[in-house]
């Protein structure tokens, strides 16, 4: 059965968009497109959404699966209504804390040495 997968990926320039498209095309898909909200829309049969999101996270460090829907080509009688759930807040990228180390050298070393 065909599925439509929408993944939110931070793509700020054309180079990032082309990298996301090339990653998505590596799995067997029927169609790949990018929305105006930097959302990658993948349509295909037998596409693993979790595997696709993991491969996008390796390159972009953040990829959020927004929705996974079954696509029925014969049942397109009218416009589909979106879910009434509120939009999920976007997550900020994790940056590890920076630690500074301060080393103080003693200008006068001790006179006692072990031979």
PDB file of N, CA and C in Angstrom:
ATOM      1  N   UNK A   1       0.839  -1.172   0.000  1.00  0.00           N
ATOM      2  CA  UNK A   1       0.000   0.000   0.000  1.00  0.00           C
ATOM      3  C   UNK A   1       0.888   1.242   0.000  1.00  0.00           C
ATOM      4  N   UNK A   2       0.506   2.218  -0.785  1.00  0.00           N
ATOM      5  CA  UNK A   2       1.273   3.463  -0.857  1.00  0.00           C
ATOM      6  C   UNK A   2       1.071   4.288   0.401  1.00  0.00           C
ATOM      7  N   UNK A   3       2.159   4.938   0.806  1.00  0.00           N
ATOM      8  CA  UNK A   3       2.109   5.804   1.979  1.00  0.00           C
ATOM      9  C   UNK A   3       2.666   7.171   1.626  1.00  0.00           C
ATOM     10  N   UNK A   4       2.118   8.174   2.282  1.00  0.00           N
ATOM     11  CA  UNK A   4       2.613   9.548   2.149  1.00  0.00           C
ATOM     12  C   UNK A   4       3.226   9.923   3.492  1.00  0.00           C
ATOM     13  N   UNK A   5       4.532  10.208   3.472  1.00  0.00           N
ATOM     14  CA  UNK A   5       5.277  10.518   4.689  1.00  0.00           C
ATOM     15  C   UNK A   5       5.724  11.974   4.613  1.00  0.00           C
ATOM     16  N   UNK A   6       5.437  12.730   5.657  1.00  0.00           N
ATOM     17  CA  UNK A   6       5.848  14.131   5.742  1.00  0.00           C
ATOM     18  C   UNK A   6       6.859  14.245   6.875  1.00  0.00           C
ATOM     19  N   UNK A   7       8.063  14.730   6.539  1.00  0.00           N
ATOM     20  CA  UNK A   7       9.147  14.860   7.512  1.00  0.00           C
ATOM     21  C   UNK A   7       9.614  16.304   7.539  1.00  0.00           C
ATOM     22  N   UNK A   8       9.696  16.877   8.724  1.00  0.00           N
ATOM     23  CA  UNK A   8      10.160  18.254   8.891  1.00  0.00           C
ATOM     24  C   UNK A   8      11.679  18.243   9.039  1.00  0.00           C
ATOM     25  N   UNK A   9      12.375  18.906   8.113  1.00  0.00           N
ATOM     26  CA  UNK A   9      13.836  18.950   8.094  1.00  0.00           C
ATOM     27  C   UNK A   9      14.261  20.415   7.954  1.00  0.00           C
ATOM     28  N   UNK A  10      15.212  20.902   8.770  1.00  0.00           N
ATOM     29  CA  UNK A  10      15.662  22.283   8.623  1.00  0.00           C
ATOM     30  C   UNK A  10      16.545  22.444   7.381  1.00  0.00           C
ATOM     31  N   UNK A  11      16.001  23.049   6.338  1.00  0.00           N
ATOM     32  CA  UNK A  11      16.740  23.277   5.094  1.00  0.00           C
ATOM     33  C   UNK A  11      16.752  24.779   4.838  1.00  0.00           C
ATOM     34  N   UNK A  12      17.913  25.391   4.978  1.00  0.00           N
ATOM     35  CA  UNK A  12      18.004  26.839   4.900  1.00  0.00           C
ATOM     36  C   UNK A  12      18.470  27.345   3.537  1.00  0.00           C
ATOM     37  N   UNK A  13      19.036  26.473   2.713  1.00  0.00           N
ATOM     38  CA  UNK A  13      19.500  26.905   1.400  1.00  0.00           C
ATOM     39  C   UNK A  13      19.261  25.800   0.375  1.00  0.00           C
ATOM     40  N   UNK A  14      19.583  26.089  -0.855  1.00  0.00           N
ATOM     41  CA  UNK A  14      19.330  25.145  -1.944  1.00  0.00           C
ATOM     42  C   UNK A  14      20.206  23.898  -1.833  1.00  0.00           C
ATOM     43  N   UNK A  15      21.408  24.050  -1.315  1.00  0.00           N
ATOM     44  CA  UNK A  15      22.306  22.906  -1.161  1.00  0.00           C
ATOM     45  C   UNK A  15      21.729  21.893  -0.170  1.00  0.00           C
ATOM     46  N   UNK A  16      21.169  22.373   0.917  1.00  0.00           N
ATOM     47  CA  UNK A  16      20.554  21.481   1.901  1.00  0.00           C
ATOM     48  C   UNK A  16      19.328  20.795   1.316  1.00  0.00           C
ATOM     49  N   UNK A  17      18.563  21.513   0.501  1.00  0.00           N
ATOM     50  CA  UNK A  17      17.387  20.912  -0.138  1.00  0.00           C
ATOM     51  C   UNK A  17      17.791  19.787  -1.089  1.00  0.00           C
ATOM     52  N   UNK A  18      18.862  20.001  -1.843  1.00  0.00           N
ATOM     53  CA  UNK A  18      19.294  18.961  -2.779  1.00  0.00           C
ATOM     54  C   UNK A  18      19.855  17.752  -2.032  1.00  0.00           C
ATOM     55  N   UNK A  19      20.519  17.957  -0.893  1.00  0.00           N
ATOM     56  CA  UNK A  19      21.019  16.836  -0.105  1.00  0.00           C
ATOM     57  C   UNK A  19      19.864  16.032   0.490  1.00  0.00           C
ATOM     58  N   UNK A  20      18.831  16.715   0.960  1.00  0.00           N
ATOM     59  CA  UNK A  20      17.671  16.011   1.508  1.00  0.00           C
ATOM     60  C   UNK A  20      16.954  15.222   0.417  1.00  0.00           C
ATOM     61  N   UNK A  21      16.849  15.791  -0.756  1.00  0.00           N
ATOM     62  CA  UNK A  21      16.214  15.081  -1.873  1.00  0.00           C
ATOM     63  C   UNK A  21      17.033  13.861  -2.260  1.00  0.00           C
ATOM     64  N   UNK A  22      18.356  13.967  -2.297  1.00  0.00           N
ATOM     65  CA  UNK A  22      19.190  12.826  -2.689  1.00  0.00           C
ATOM     66  C   UNK A  22      19.129  11.711  -1.658  1.00  0.00           C
ATOM     67  N   UNK A  23      19.015  12.048  -0.380  1.00  0.00           N
ATOM     68  CA  UNK A  23      18.873  11.025   0.656  1.00  0.00           C
ATOM     69  C   UNK A  23      17.524  10.322   0.513  1.00  0.00           C
ATOM     70  N   UNK A  24      16.474  11.083   0.225  1.00  0.00           N
ATOM     71  CA  UNK A  24      15.136  10.497   0.106  1.00  0.00           C
ATOM     72  C   UNK A  24      15.003   9.640  -1.143  1.00  0.00           C
ATOM     73  N   UNK A  25      15.710   9.966  -2.202  1.00  0.00           N
ATOM     74  CA  UNK A  25      15.605   9.210  -3.450  1.00  0.00           C
ATOM     75  C   UNK A  25      16.350   7.880  -3.347  1.00  0.00           C
ATOM     76  N   UNK A  26      17.291   7.748  -2.411  1.00  0.00           N
ATOM     77  CA  UNK A  26      18.038   6.503  -2.264  1.00  0.00           C
ATOM     78  C   UNK A  26      17.166   5.336  -1.817  1.00  0.00           C
ATOM     79  N   UNK A  27      16.043   5.598  -1.164  1.00  0.00           N
ATOM     80  CA  UNK A  27      15.102   4.528  -0.815  1.00  0.00           C
ATOM     81  C   UNK A  27      14.097   4.402  -1.961  1.00  0.00           C
ATOM     82  N   UNK A  28      13.480   3.244  -2.158  1.00  0.00           N
ATOM     83  CA  UNK A  28      12.539   3.088  -3.281  1.00  0.00           C
ATOM     84  C   UNK A  28      11.254   3.885  -3.054  1.00  0.00           C
ATOM     85  N   UNK A  29      11.142   5.018  -3.731  1.00  0.00           N
ATOM     86  CA  UNK A  29       9.981   5.897  -3.584  1.00  0.00           C
ATOM     87  C   UNK A  29       9.367   6.175  -4.952  1.00  0.00           C
ATOM     88  N   UNK A  30       8.107   6.620  -4.943  1.00  0.00           N
ATOM     89  CA  UNK A  30       7.427   6.992  -6.179  1.00  0.00           C
ATOM     90  C   UNK A  30       7.589   8.484  -6.461  1.00  0.00           C
ATOM     91  N   UNK A  31       7.535   9.320  -5.408  1.00  0.00           N
ATOM     92  CA  UNK A  31       7.645  10.766  -5.606  1.00  0.00           C
ATOM     93  C   UNK A  31       8.233  11.410  -4.352  1.00  0.00           C
ATOM     94  N   UNK A  32       9.029  12.453  -4.572  1.00  0.00           N
ATOM     95  CA  UNK A  32       9.618  13.232  -3.476  1.00  0.00           C
ATOM     96  C   UNK A  32       9.421  14.697  -3.808  1.00  0.00           C
ATOM     97  N   UNK A  33       8.968  15.478  -2.834  1.00  0.00           N
ATOM     98  CA  UNK A  33       8.820  16.913  -3.041  1.00  0.00           C
ATOM     99  C   UNK A  33       9.096  17.639  -1.731  1.00  0.00           C
ATOM    100  N   UNK A  34       9.295  18.948  -1.832  1.00  0.00           N
ATOM    101  CA  UNK A  34       9.559  19.777  -0.661  1.00  0.00           C
ATOM    102  C   UNK A  34       8.486  20.855  -0.599  1.00  0.00           C
ATOM    103  N   UNK A  35       7.827  20.969   0.565  1.00  0.00           N
ATOM    104  CA  UNK A  35       6.817  22.001   0.780  1.00  0.00           C
ATOM    105  C   UNK A  35       7.475  23.348   1.010  1.00  0.00           C
ATOM    106  N   UNK A  36       6.650  24.365   1.134  1.00  0.00           N
ATOM    107  CA  UNK A  36       7.172  25.704   1.420  1.00  0.00           C
ATOM    108  C   UNK A  36       7.599  25.834   2.879  1.00  0.00           C
ATOM    109  N   UNK A  37       7.215  24.870   3.736  1.00  0.00           N
ATOM    110  CA  UNK A  37       7.567  24.916   5.153  1.00  0.00           C
ATOM    111  C   UNK A  37       8.797  24.069   5.466  1.00  0.00           C
ATOM    112  N   UNK A  38       9.642  23.784   4.466  1.00  0.00           N
ATOM    113  CA  UNK A  38      10.813  22.916   4.617  1.00  0.00           C
ATOM    114  C   UNK A  38      10.408  21.533   5.107  1.00  0.00           C
ATOM    115  N   UNK A  39       9.317  21.027   4.568  1.00  0.00           N
ATOM    116  CA  UNK A  39       8.876  19.684   4.890  1.00  0.00           C
ATOM    117  C   UNK A  39       9.072  18.810   3.666  1.00  0.00           C
ATOM    118  N   UNK A  40       9.688  17.674   3.879  1.00  0.00           N
ATOM    119  CA  UNK A  40       9.964  16.720   2.824  1.00  0.00           C
ATOM    120  C   UNK A  40       8.777  15.771   2.737  1.00  0.00           C
ATOM    121  N   UNK A  41       8.147  15.693   1.569  1.00  0.00           N
ATOM    122  CA  UNK A  41       6.992  14.834   1.357  1.00  0.00           C
ATOM    123  C   UNK A  41       7.425  13.680   0.463  1.00  0.00           C
ATOM    124  N   UNK A  42       7.366  12.457   1.005  1.00  0.00           N
ATOM    125  CA  UNK A  42       7.797  11.261   0.291  1.00  0.00           C
ATOM    126  C   UNK A  42       6.588  10.358   0.105  1.00  0.00           C
ATOM    127  N   UNK A  43       6.351   9.926  -1.135  1.00  0.00           N
ATOM    128  CA  UNK A  43       5.253   9.024  -1.436  1.00  0.00           C
ATOM    129  C   UNK A  43       5.827   7.777  -2.084  1.00  0.00           C
ATOM    130  N   UNK A  44       5.455   6.628  -1.557  1.00  0.00           N
ATOM    131  CA  UNK A  44       5.956   5.390  -2.129  1.00  0.00           C
ATOM    132  C   UNK A  44       5.360   4.183  -1.464  1.00  0.00           C
ATOM    133  N   UNK A  45       5.689   3.028  -2.008  1.00  0.00           N
ATOM    134  CA  UNK A  45       5.176   1.775  -1.483  1.00  0.00           C
ATOM    135  C   UNK A  45       6.300   1.043  -0.759  1.00  0.00           C
ATOM    136  N   UNK A  46       6.064   0.633   0.478  1.00  0.00           N
ATOM    137  CA  UNK A  46       7.067  -0.085   1.243  1.00  0.00           C
ATOM    138  C   UNK A  46       8.186   0.797   1.768  1.00  0.00           C
ATOM    139  N   UNK A  47       7.935   2.075   1.975  1.00  0.00           N
ATOM    140  CA  UNK A  47       8.946   2.999   2.486  1.00  0.00           C
ATOM    141  C   UNK A  47       8.925   2.949   4.011  1.00  0.00           C
ATOM    142  N   UNK A  48      10.083   2.741   4.624  1.00  0.00           N
ATOM    143  CA  UNK A  48      10.198   2.729   6.081  1.00  0.00           C
ATOM    144  C   UNK A  48      10.447   4.159   6.548  1.00  0.00           C
ATOM    145  N   UNK A  49       9.468   4.741   7.223  1.00  0.00           N
ATOM    146  CA  UNK A  49       9.566   6.146   7.630  1.00  0.00           C
ATOM    147  C   UNK A  49      10.638   6.354   8.696  1.00  0.00           C
ATOM    148  N   UNK A  50      10.804   5.398   9.593  1.00  0.00           N
ATOM    149  CA  UNK A  50      11.800   5.532  10.660  1.00  0.00           C
ATOM    150  C   UNK A  50      13.212   5.468  10.083  1.00  0.00           C
ATOM    151  N   UNK A  51      13.432   4.552   9.152  1.00  0.00           N
ATOM    152  CA  UNK A  51      14.750   4.423   8.520  1.00  0.00           C
ATOM    153  C   UNK A  51      15.087   5.684   7.726  1.00  0.00           C
ATOM    154  N   UNK A  52      14.095   6.245   7.045  1.00  0.00           N
ATOM    155  CA  UNK A  52      14.302   7.478   6.281  1.00  0.00           C
ATOM    156  C   UNK A  52      14.625   8.639   7.216  1.00  0.00           C
ATOM    157  N   UNK A  53      13.922   8.731   8.336  1.00  0.00           N
ATOM    158  CA  UNK A  53      14.184   9.810   9.294  1.00  0.00           C
ATOM    159  C   UNK A  53      15.571   9.669   9.915  1.00  0.00           C
ATOM    160  N   UNK A  54      15.999   8.446  10.198  1.00  0.00           N
ATOM    161  CA  UNK A  54      17.336   8.234  10.760  1.00  0.00           C
ATOM    162  C   UNK A  54      18.422   8.657   9.790  1.00  0.00           C
ATOM    163  N   UNK A  55      18.250   8.329   8.510  1.00  0.00           N
ATOM    164  CA  UNK A  55      19.261   8.715   7.537  1.00  0.00           C
ATOM    165  C   UNK A  55      19.290  10.227   7.332  1.00  0.00           C
ATOM    166  N   UNK A  56      18.141  10.890   7.464  1.00  0.00           N
ATOM    167  CA  UNK A  56      18.120  12.355   7.384  1.00  0.00           C
ATOM    168  C   UNK A  56      18.756  12.978   8.629  1.00  0.00           C
ATOM    169  N   UNK A  57      18.577  12.344   9.778  1.00  0.00           N
ATOM    170  CA  UNK A  57      19.180  12.867  11.010  1.00  0.00           C
ATOM    171  C   UNK A  57      20.692  12.770  10.990  1.00  0.00           C
ATOM    172  N   UNK A  58      21.230  11.783  10.283  1.00  0.00           N
ATOM    173  CA  UNK A  58      22.685  11.662  10.191  1.00  0.00           C
ATOM    174  C   UNK A  58      23.289  12.868   9.495  1.00  0.00           C
ATOM    175  N   UNK A  59      22.579  13.420   8.529  1.00  0.00           N
ATOM    176  CA  UNK A  59      23.100  14.554   7.773  1.00  0.00           C
ATOM    177  C   UNK A  59      22.690  15.896   8.376  1.00  0.00           C
ATOM    178  N   UNK A  60      21.435  16.001   8.844  1.00  0.00           N
ATOM    179  CA  UNK A  60      20.905  17.289   9.274  1.00  0.00           C
ATOM    180  C   UNK A  60      20.780  17.437  10.791  1.00  0.00           C
ATOM    181  N   UNK A  61      21.041  16.387  11.562  1.00  0.00           N
ATOM    182  CA  UNK A  61      20.979  16.395  13.028  1.00  0.00           C
ATOM    183  C   UNK A  61      19.564  16.610  13.574  1.00  0.00           C
ATOM    184  N   UNK A  62      18.593  16.840  12.722  1.00  0.00           N
ATOM    185  CA  UNK A  62      17.222  17.013  13.182  1.00  0.00           C
ATOM    186  C   UNK A  62      16.283  16.665  12.042  1.00  0.00           C
ATOM    187  N   UNK A  63      15.407  15.727  12.275  1.00  0.00           N
ATOM    188  CA  UNK A  63      14.362  15.367  11.318  1.00  0.00           C
ATOM    189  C   UNK A  63      13.198  14.825  12.125  1.00  0.00           C
ATOM    190  N   UNK A  64      12.040  15.431  11.962  1.00  0.00           N
ATOM    191  CA  UNK A  64      10.869  15.085  12.746  1.00  0.00           C
ATOM    192  C   UNK A  64       9.790  14.549  11.814  1.00  0.00           C
ATOM    193  N   UNK A  65       9.286  13.355  12.090  1.00  0.00           N
ATOM    194  CA  UNK A  65       8.199  12.795  11.282  1.00  0.00           C
ATOM    195  C   UNK A  65       6.912  13.499  11.683  1.00  0.00           C
ATOM    196  N   UNK A  66       6.316  14.213  10.729  1.00  0.00           N
ATOM    197  CA  UNK A  66       5.096  14.961  11.005  1.00  0.00           C
ATOM    198  C   UNK A  66       3.881  14.057  10.854  1.00  0.00           C
ATOM    199  N   UNK A  67       3.796  13.321   9.736  1.00  0.00           N
ATOM    200  CA  UNK A  67       2.648  12.446   9.533  1.00  0.00           C
ATOM    201  C   UNK A  67       2.995  11.313   8.581  1.00  0.00           C
ATOM    202  N   UNK A  68       2.283  10.206   8.746  1.00  0.00           N
ATOM    203  CA  UNK A  68       2.357   9.061   7.850  1.00  0.00           C
ATOM    204  C   UNK A  68       0.918   8.692   7.525  1.00  0.00           C
ATOM    205  N   UNK A  69       0.560   8.767   6.221  1.00  0.00           N
ATOM    206  CA  UNK A  69      -0.815   8.510   5.799  1.00  0.00           C
ATOM    207  C   UNK A  69      -0.831   7.486   4.684  1.00  0.00           C
ATOM    208  N   UNK A  70      -1.887   6.683   4.655  1.00  0.00           N
ATOM    209  CA  UNK A  70      -2.095   5.773   3.535  1.00  0.00           C
ATOM    210  C   UNK A  70      -2.714   6.548   2.382  1.00  0.00           C
ATOM    211  N   UNK A  71      -2.243   6.261   1.169  1.00  0.00           N
ATOM    212  CA  UNK A  71      -2.752   6.940  -0.012  1.00  0.00           C
ATOM    213  C   UNK A  71      -3.579   5.938  -0.808  1.00  0.00           C
ATOM    214  N   UNK A  72      -4.847   6.262  -1.008  1.00  0.00           N
ATOM    215  CA  UNK A  72      -5.732   5.441  -1.827  1.00  0.00           C
ATOM    216  C   UNK A  72      -6.048   6.206  -3.106  1.00  0.00           C
ATOM    217  N   UNK A  73      -5.529   5.762  -4.265  1.00  0.00           N
ATOM    218  CA  UNK A  73      -5.743   6.521  -5.491  1.00  0.00           C
ATOM    219  C   UNK A  73      -7.200   6.542  -5.938  1.00  0.00           C
ATOM    220  N   UNK A  74      -8.003   5.547  -5.608  1.00  0.00           N
ATOM    221  CA  UNK A  74      -9.403   5.511  -6.032  1.00  0.00           C
ATOM    222  C   UNK A  74     -10.328   6.242  -5.100  1.00  0.00           C
ATOM    223  N   UNK A  75      -9.881   6.648  -3.941  1.00  0.00           N
ATOM    224  CA  UNK A  75     -10.737   7.261  -2.938  1.00  0.00           C
ATOM    225  C   UNK A  75     -10.445   8.747  -2.793  1.00  0.00           C
ATOM    226  N   UNK A  76     -10.199   9.442  -3.868  1.00  0.00           N
ATOM    227  CA  UNK A  76      -9.930  10.882  -3.802  1.00  0.00           C
ATOM    228  C   UNK A  76     -11.169  11.648  -4.250  1.00  0.00           C
ATOM    229  N   UNK A  77     -12.287  11.493  -3.509  1.00  0.00           N
ATOM    230  CA  UNK A  77     -13.551  12.110  -3.886  1.00  0.00           C
ATOM    231  C   UNK A  77     -13.626  13.582  -3.509  1.00  0.00           C
ATOM    232  N   UNK A  78     -12.859  14.006  -2.534  1.00  0.00           N
ATOM    233  CA  UNK A  78     -12.908  15.402  -2.116  1.00  0.00           C
ATOM    234  C   UNK A  78     -11.650  15.768  -1.360  1.00  0.00           C
ATOM    235  N   UNK A  79     -11.553  17.039  -0.993  1.00  0.00           N
ATOM    236  CA  UNK A  79     -10.359  17.459  -0.247  1.00  0.00           C
ATOM    237  C   UNK A  79     -10.360  16.842   1.144  1.00  0.00           C
ATOM    238  N   UNK A  80      -9.211  16.391   1.559  1.00  0.00           N
ATOM    239  CA  UNK A  80      -9.098  15.779   2.876  1.00  0.00           C
ATOM    240  C   UNK A  80      -8.980  16.865   3.934  1.00  0.00           C
ATOM    241  N   UNK A  81      -9.558  16.591   5.093  1.00  0.00           N
ATOM    242  CA  UNK A  81      -9.500  17.559   6.180  1.00  0.00           C
ATOM    243  C   UNK A  81      -8.316  17.234   7.071  1.00  0.00           C
ATOM    244  N   UNK A  82      -7.543  18.226   7.469  1.00  0.00           N
ATOM    245  CA  UNK A  82      -6.399  17.969   8.346  1.00  0.00           C
ATOM    246  C   UNK A  82      -6.870  17.607   9.746  1.00  0.00           C
ATOM    247  N   UNK A  83      -6.015  16.973  10.509  1.00  0.00           N
ATOM    248  CA  UNK A  83      -6.346  16.615  11.886  1.00  0.00           C
ATOM    249  C   UNK A  83      -6.574  17.873  12.706  1.00  0.00           C
ATOM    250  N   UNK A  84      -7.440  17.748  13.706  1.00  0.00           N
ATOM    251  CA  UNK A  84      -7.750  18.904  14.545  1.00  0.00           C
ATOM    252  C   UNK A  84      -6.767  19.056  15.695  1.00  0.00           C
ATOM    253  N   UNK A  85      -5.707  18.253  15.716  1.00  0.00           N
ATOM    254  CA  UNK A  85      -4.738  18.367  16.788  1.00  0.00           C
ATOM    255  C   UNK A  85      -3.899  19.639  16.599  1.00  0.00           C
ATOM    256  N   UNK A  86      -3.483  20.256  17.698  1.00  0.00           N
ATOM    257  CA  UNK A  86      -2.691  21.488  17.574  1.00  0.00           C
ATOM    258  C   UNK A  86      -1.318  21.171  16.999  1.00  0.00           C
ATOM    259  N   UNK A  87      -0.711  22.135  16.334  1.00  0.00           N
ATOM    260  CA  UNK A  87       0.615  21.885  15.754  1.00  0.00           C
ATOM    261  C   UNK A  87       1.644  21.665  16.849  1.00  0.00           C
ATOM    262  N   UNK A  88       2.577  20.749  16.572  1.00  0.00           N
ATOM    263  CA  UNK A  88       3.624  20.448  17.542  1.00  0.00           C
ATOM    264  C   UNK A  88       4.712  21.508  17.478  1.00  0.00           C
ATOM    265  N   UNK A  89       5.237  21.915  18.629  1.00  0.00           N
ATOM    266  CA  UNK A  89       6.316  22.914  18.599  1.00  0.00           C
ATOM    267  C   UNK A  89       7.585  22.296  18.026  1.00  0.00           C
ATOM    268  N   UNK A  90       8.346  23.106  17.326  1.00  0.00           N
ATOM    269  CA  UNK A  90       9.596  22.618  16.761  1.00  0.00           C
ATOM    270  C   UNK A  90      10.643  22.544  17.854  1.00  0.00           C
ATOM    271  N   UNK A  91      11.526  21.578  17.725  1.00  0.00           N
ATOM    272  CA  UNK A  91      12.568  21.396  18.716  1.00  0.00           C
ATOM    273  C   UNK A  91      13.825  22.113  18.258  1.00  0.00           C
ATOM    274  N   UNK A  92      14.502  22.724  19.203  1.00  0.00           N
ATOM    275  CA  UNK A  92      15.771  23.380  18.888  1.00  0.00           C
ATOM    276  C   UNK A  92      16.854  22.317  18.768  1.00  0.00           C
ATOM    277  N   UNK A  93      17.847  22.593  17.962  1.00  0.00           N
ATOM    278  CA  UNK A  93      18.939  21.649  17.815  1.00  0.00           C
ATOM    279  C   UNK A  93      19.762  21.629  19.100  1.00  0.00           C
ATOM    280  N   UNK A  94      20.182  20.437  19.489  1.00  0.00           N
ATOM    281  CA  UNK A  94      20.945  20.278  20.716  1.00  0.00           C
ATOM    282  C   UNK A  94      22.397  20.671  20.485  1.00  0.00           C
ATOM    283  N   UNK A  95      22.880  21.563  21.307  1.00  0.00           N
ATOM    284  CA  UNK A  95      24.288  21.952  21.273  1.00  0.00           C
ATOM    285  C   UNK A  95      24.894  21.548  22.611  1.00  0.00           C
ATOM    286  N   UNK A  96      25.957  20.760  22.601  1.00  0.00           N
ATOM    287  CA  UNK A  96      26.555  20.340  23.867  1.00  0.00           C
ATOM    288  C   UNK A  96      27.167  21.527  24.592  1.00  0.00           C
ATOM    289  N   UNK A  97      27.173  21.481  25.933  1.00  0.00           N
ATOM    290  CA  UNK A  97      27.755  22.595  26.681  1.00  0.00           C
ATOM    291  C   UNK A  97      29.267  22.665  26.468  1.00  0.00           C
ATOM    292  N   UNK A  98      29.777  23.878  26.559  1.00  0.00           N
ATOM    293  CA  UNK A  98      31.202  24.108  26.358  1.00  0.00           C
ATOM    294  C   UNK A  98      31.859  24.233  27.722  1.00  0.00           C
ATOM    295  N   UNK A  99      32.920  23.462  27.931  1.00  0.00           N
ATOM    296  CA  UNK A  99      33.662  23.518  29.179  1.00  0.00           C
ATOM    297  C   UNK A  99      35.044  24.097  28.905  1.00  0.00           C
ATOM    298  N   UNK A 100      35.453  25.018  29.760  1.00  0.00           N
ATOM    299  CA  UNK A 100      36.768  25.620  29.646  1.00  0.00           C
ATOM    300  C   UNK A 100      37.643  25.095  30.781  1.00  0.00           C
ATOM    301  N   UNK A 101      38.877  24.858  30.468  1.00  0.00           N
ATOM    302  CA  UNK A 101      39.810  24.379  31.467  1.00  0.00           C
ATOM    303  C   UNK A 101      40.881  25.434  31.659  1.00  0.00           C
ATOM    304  N   UNK A 102      41.109  25.785  32.894  1.00  0.00           N
ATOM    305  CA  UNK A 102      42.111  26.795  33.194  1.00  0.00           C
ATOM    306  C   UNK A 102      43.241  26.130  33.961  1.00  0.00           C
ATOM    307  N   UNK A 103      44.430  26.201  33.421  1.00  0.00           N
ATOM    308  CA  UNK A 103      45.602  25.595  34.046  1.00  0.00           C
ATOM    309  C   UNK A 103      46.496  26.722  34.532  1.00  0.00           C
ATOM    310  N   UNK A 104      46.814  26.674  35.817  1.00  0.00           N
ATOM    311  CA  UNK A 104      47.675  27.687  36.418  1.00  0.00           C
ATOM    312  C   UNK A 104      49.022  27.027  36.701  1.00  0.00           C
ATOM    313  N   UNK A 105      50.071  27.581  36.125  1.00  0.00           N
ATOM    314  CA  UNK A 105      51.411  27.053  36.329  1.00  0.00           C
ATOM    315  C   UNK A 105      52.068  27.796  37.486  1.00  0.00           C
ATOM    316  N   UNK A 106      52.732  27.030  38.333  1.00  0.00           N
ATOM    317  CA  UNK A 106      53.417  27.612  39.480  1.00  0.00           C
ATOM    318  C   UNK A 106      54.767  28.139  39.003  1.00  0.00           C
ATOM    319  N   UNK A 107      55.039  29.452  39.119  1.00  0.00           N
ATOM    320  CA  UNK A 107      56.306  29.986  38.641  1.00  0.00           C
ATOM    321  C   UNK A 107      57.506  29.540  39.466  1.00  0.00           C
ATOM    322  N   UNK A 108      57.276  29.193  40.719  1.00  0.00           N
ATOM    323  CA  UNK A 108      58.395  28.736  41.559  1.00  0.00           C
ATOM    324  C   UNK A 108      58.150  27.275  41.960  1.00  0.00           C
ATOM    325  N   UNK A 109      58.794  26.331  41.258  1.00  0.00           N
ATOM    326  CA  UNK A 109      58.581  24.920  41.601  1.00  0.00           C
ATOM    327  C   UNK A 109      59.210  24.588  42.955  1.00  0.00           C
ATOM    328  N   UNK A 110      58.762  23.564  43.600  1.00  0.00           N
ATOM    329  CA  UNK A 110      59.322  23.219  44.918  1.00  0.00           C
ATOM    330  C   UNK A 110      60.782  22.765  44.771  1.00  0.00           C
ATOM    331  N   UNK A 111      61.565  22.995  45.841  1.00  0.00           N
ATOM    332  CA  UNK A 111      62.983  22.671  45.821  1.00  0.00           C
ATOM    333  C   UNK A 111      63.240  21.183  46.055  1.00  0.00           C
ATOM    334  N   UNK A 112      62.317  20.475  46.577  1.00  0.00           N
ATOM    335  CA  UNK A 112      62.509  19.056  46.894  1.00  0.00           C
ATOM    336  C   UNK A 112      62.244  18.228  45.637  1.00  0.00           C
ATOM    337  N   UNK A 113      63.214  17.433  45.245  1.00  0.00           N
ATOM    338  CA  UNK A 113      63.047  16.536  44.115  1.00  0.00           C
ATOM    339  C   UNK A 113      63.451  15.143  44.537  1.00  0.00           C
ATOM    340  N   UNK A 114      62.862  14.164  43.970  1.00  0.00           N
ATOM    341  CA  UNK A 114      63.182  12.777  44.277  1.00  0.00           C
ATOM    342  C   UNK A 114      64.134  12.258  43.226  1.00  0.00           C
ATOM    343  N   UNK A 115      65.280  11.695  43.662  1.00  0.00           N
ATOM    344  CA  UNK A 115      66.269  11.188  42.723  1.00  0.00           C
ATOM    345  C   UNK A 115      66.080   9.774  42.432  1.00  0.00           C
TER     346      UNK A 115
END
